[in-house]
C-alpha atoms as a PDB file:
ATOM      1  CA  UNK A   1      -0.419  -0.004  -0.147  1.00  0.00           C
ATOM      2  CA  UNK A   2       2.930   2.027   0.376  1.00  0.00           C
ATOM      3  CA  UNK A   3       4.638   2.391  -2.616  1.00  0.00           C
ATOM      4  CA  UNK A   4       1.335   2.454  -4.384  1.00  0.00           C
ATOM      5  CA  UNK A   5       0.649   6.001  -2.105  1.00  0.00           C
ATOM      6  CA  UNK A   6       4.099   6.721  -2.811  1.00  0.00           C
ATOM      7  CA  UNK A   7       3.932   6.611  -6.485  1.00  0.00           C
ATOM      8  CA  UNK A   8       0.347   8.348  -6.386  1.00  0.00           C
ATOM      9  CA  UNK A   9       2.145  11.306  -4.899  1.00  0.00           C
ATOM     10  CA  UNK A  10       4.949  11.348  -7.214  1.00  0.00           C
ATOM     11  CA  UNK A  11       2.972  11.755 -10.208  1.00  0.00           C
ATOM     12  CA  UNK A  12       0.711  14.102  -7.895  1.00  0.00           C
ATOM     13  CA  UNK A  13       3.632  16.582  -7.470  1.00  0.00           C
ATOM     14  CA  UNK A  14       4.990  16.434 -11.393  1.00  0.00           C
ATOM     15  CA  UNK A  15       1.635  17.588 -12.206  1.00  0.00           C
ATOM     16  CA  UNK A  16       1.773  20.074  -9.322  1.00  0.00           C
ATOM     17  CA  UNK A  17       4.835  21.548 -10.314  1.00  0.00           C
ATOM     18  CA  UNK A  18       3.405  21.888 -14.194  1.00  0.00           C
ATOM     19  CA  UNK A  19       0.195  23.557 -13.641  1.00  0.00           C
ATOM     20  CA  UNK A  20       2.400  25.866 -11.662  1.00  0.00           C
ATOM     21  CA  UNK A  21       4.793  26.661 -14.353  1.00  0.00           C
ATOM     22  CA  UNK A  22       2.247  27.211 -17.110  1.00  0.00           C
ATOM     23  CA  UNK A  23       0.133  29.761 -14.960  1.00  0.00           C
ATOM     24  CA  UNK A  24       0.727  32.936 -15.838  1.00  0.00           C
ATOM     25  CA  UNK A  25       2.083  35.024 -12.640  1.00  0.00           C
ATOM     26  CA  UNK A  26       0.688  38.704 -11.909  1.00  0.00           C
ATOM     27  CA  UNK A  27       2.161  41.593 -12.441  1.00  0.00           C
ATOM     28  CA  UNK A  28       4.618  39.928 -15.032  1.00  0.00           C
ATOM     29  CA  UNK A  29       4.941  42.718 -17.043  1.00  0.00           C
ATOM     30  CA  UNK A  30       8.327  45.392 -16.288  1.00  0.00           C
ATOM     31  CA  UNK A  31       5.694  47.917 -14.387  1.00  0.00           C
ATOM     32  CA  UNK A  32       4.620  45.629 -11.908  1.00  0.00           C
ATOM     33  CA  UNK A  33       7.915  44.730 -11.140  1.00  0.00           C
ATOM     34  CA  UNK A  34       8.361  49.152  -9.700  1.00  0.00           C
ATOM     35  CA  UNK A  35       4.944  49.114  -8.397  1.00  0.00           C
ATOM     36  CA  UNK A  36       3.247  50.609 -11.601  1.00  0.00           C
ATOM     37  CA  UNK A  37      -0.085  48.859 -10.984  1.00  0.00           C
ATOM     38  CA  UNK A  38      -1.791  52.114  -9.540  1.00  0.00           C
ATOM     39  CA  UNK A  39      -4.963  50.995  -9.274  1.00  0.00           C
ATOM     40  CA  UNK A  40      -4.457  47.415  -7.481  1.00  0.00           C
ATOM     41  CA  UNK A  41      -4.006  46.298  -4.155  1.00  0.00           C
ATOM     42  CA  UNK A  42      -0.780  44.719  -2.929  1.00  0.00           C
ATOM     43  CA  UNK A  43      -1.170  40.384  -4.726  1.00  0.00           C
ATOM     44  CA  UNK A  44      -2.631  42.189  -7.633  1.00  0.00           C
ATOM     45  CA  UNK A  45      -6.516  42.559  -9.079  1.00  0.00           C
ATOM     46  CA  UNK A  46      -8.309  39.424  -8.391  1.00  0.00           C
ATOM     47  CA  UNK A  47      -9.889  37.704 -11.250  1.00  0.00           C
ATOM     48  CA  UNK A  48     -11.442  35.275 -12.375  1.00  0.00           C
ATOM     49  CA  UNK A  49     -10.986  31.878 -11.532  1.00  0.00           C
ATOM     50  CA  UNK A  50      -9.323  29.905 -13.816  1.00  0.00           C
ATOM     51  CA  UNK A  51      -9.103  26.364 -14.817  1.00  0.00           C
ATOM     52  CA  UNK A  52      -5.453  26.664 -13.718  1.00  0.00           C
ATOM     53  CA  UNK A  53      -6.236  27.513 -10.483  1.00  0.00           C
ATOM     54  CA  UNK A  54      -8.499  24.656  -9.692  1.00  0.00           C
ATOM     55  CA  UNK A  55      -6.309  22.226 -10.846  1.00  0.00           C
ATOM     56  CA  UNK A  56      -3.272  23.643  -8.796  1.00  0.00           C
ATOM     57  CA  UNK A  57      -6.285  23.717  -5.651  1.00  0.00           C
ATOM     58  CA  UNK A  58      -6.782  20.760  -6.568  1.00  0.00           C
ATOM     59  CA  UNK A  59      -3.057  19.009  -7.031  1.00  0.00           C
ATOM     60  CA  UNK A  60      -1.849  20.704  -3.958  1.00  0.00           C
ATOM     61  CA  UNK A  61      -5.692  19.450  -1.938  1.00  0.00           C
ATOM     62  CA  UNK A  62      -4.134  15.769  -2.689  1.00  0.00           C
ATOM     63  CA  UNK A  63      -0.359  16.731  -2.309  1.00  0.00           C
ATOM     64  CA  UNK A  64      -1.152  18.030   1.275  1.00  0.00           C
ATOM     65  CA  UNK A  65      -3.371  14.536   1.876  1.00  0.00           C
ATOM     66  CA  UNK A  66      -0.948  11.977   0.336  1.00  0.00           C
ATOM     67  CA  UNK A  67       2.173  13.305   2.815  1.00  0.00           C
ATOM     68  CA  UNK A  68       0.035  13.622   5.652  1.00  0.00           C
ATOM     69  CA  UNK A  69      -1.060  10.067   4.913  1.00  0.00           C
ATOM     70  CA  UNK A  70       2.816   8.478   4.081  1.00  0.00           C
ATOM     71  CA  UNK A  71       4.022  10.373   7.155  1.00  0.00           C
ATOM     72  CA  UNK A  72       1.095   8.617   9.429  1.00  0.00           C
ATOM     73  CA  UNK A  73       2.096   5.550   7.343  1.00  0.00           C
ATOM     74  CA  UNK A  74       5.736   5.442   8.420  1.00  0.00           C
ATOM     75  CA  UNK A  75       5.677   7.225  12.031  1.00  0.00           C
ATOM     76  CA  UNK A  76       3.639   3.479  13.005  1.00  0.00           C
ATOM     77  CA  UNK A  77       5.437   1.154  14.476  1.00  0.00           C
ATOM     78  CA  UNK A  78       6.325  -2.010  12.621  1.00  0.00           C
ATOM     79  CA  UNK A  79       6.494  -4.929  13.972  1.00  0.00           C
ATOM     80  CA  UNK A  80       9.685  -7.939  12.567  1.00  0.00           C
ATOM     81  CA  UNK A  81       8.905 -11.098  10.508  1.00  0.00           C
ATOM     82  CA  UNK A  82      11.027 -12.159  13.530  1.00  0.00           C
ATOM     83  CA  UNK A  83       9.838 -11.027  16.526  1.00  0.00           C
ATOM     84  CA  UNK A  84       7.506 -14.026  17.226  1.00  0.00           C
ATOM     85  CA  UNK A  85      10.408 -16.468  16.165  1.00  0.00           C
ATOM     86  CA  UNK A  86      12.502 -18.668  19.173  1.00  0.00           C
ATOM     87  CA  UNK A  87      15.313 -17.855  20.351  1.00  0.00           C
ATOM     88  CA  UNK A  88      17.873 -20.911  18.926  1.00  0.00           C
ATOM     89  CA  UNK A  89      18.686 -23.230  21.403  1.00  0.00           C
ATOM     90  CA  UNK A  90      21.770 -23.159  22.872  1.00  0.00           C
ATOM     91  CA  UNK A  91      24.534 -26.192  22.248  1.00  0.00           C
ATOM     92  CA  UNK A  92      25.335 -27.792  25.491  1.00  0.00           C
ATOM     93  CA  UNK A  93      28.645 -26.912  26.325  1.00  0.00           C
ATOM     94  CA  UNK A  94      31.489 -29.486  27.153  1.00  0.00           C
ATOM     95  CA  UNK A  95      34.758 -29.229  28.687  1.00  0.00           C
ATOM     96  CA  UNK A  96      37.477 -29.212  26.251  1.00  0.00           C
ATOM     97  CA  UNK A  97      39.372 -32.608  26.519  1.00  0.00           C
ATOM     98  CA  UNK A  98      42.785 -32.564  27.548  1.00  0.00           C
END
């Protein structure tokens, strides 16, 4: 189960990176770098929610859920295969012959 969850986590991570890189940044022009967006707020005007924004939020939510699930699965104590095995019998000690 953990291996499958790690594979899903990696795929979600790759999609999240791609979706973030495809988006156009706010204030990407030269005037935005020097505060030239006169009527805009500190973080830019709030526009309509796009498909890329929805995908980013969705992949981020899935990324956080899989990260927390993997952390919980790795934190659980594991039992060893040898924990239920009986200790090997000791061979009787015989005195050395002279």
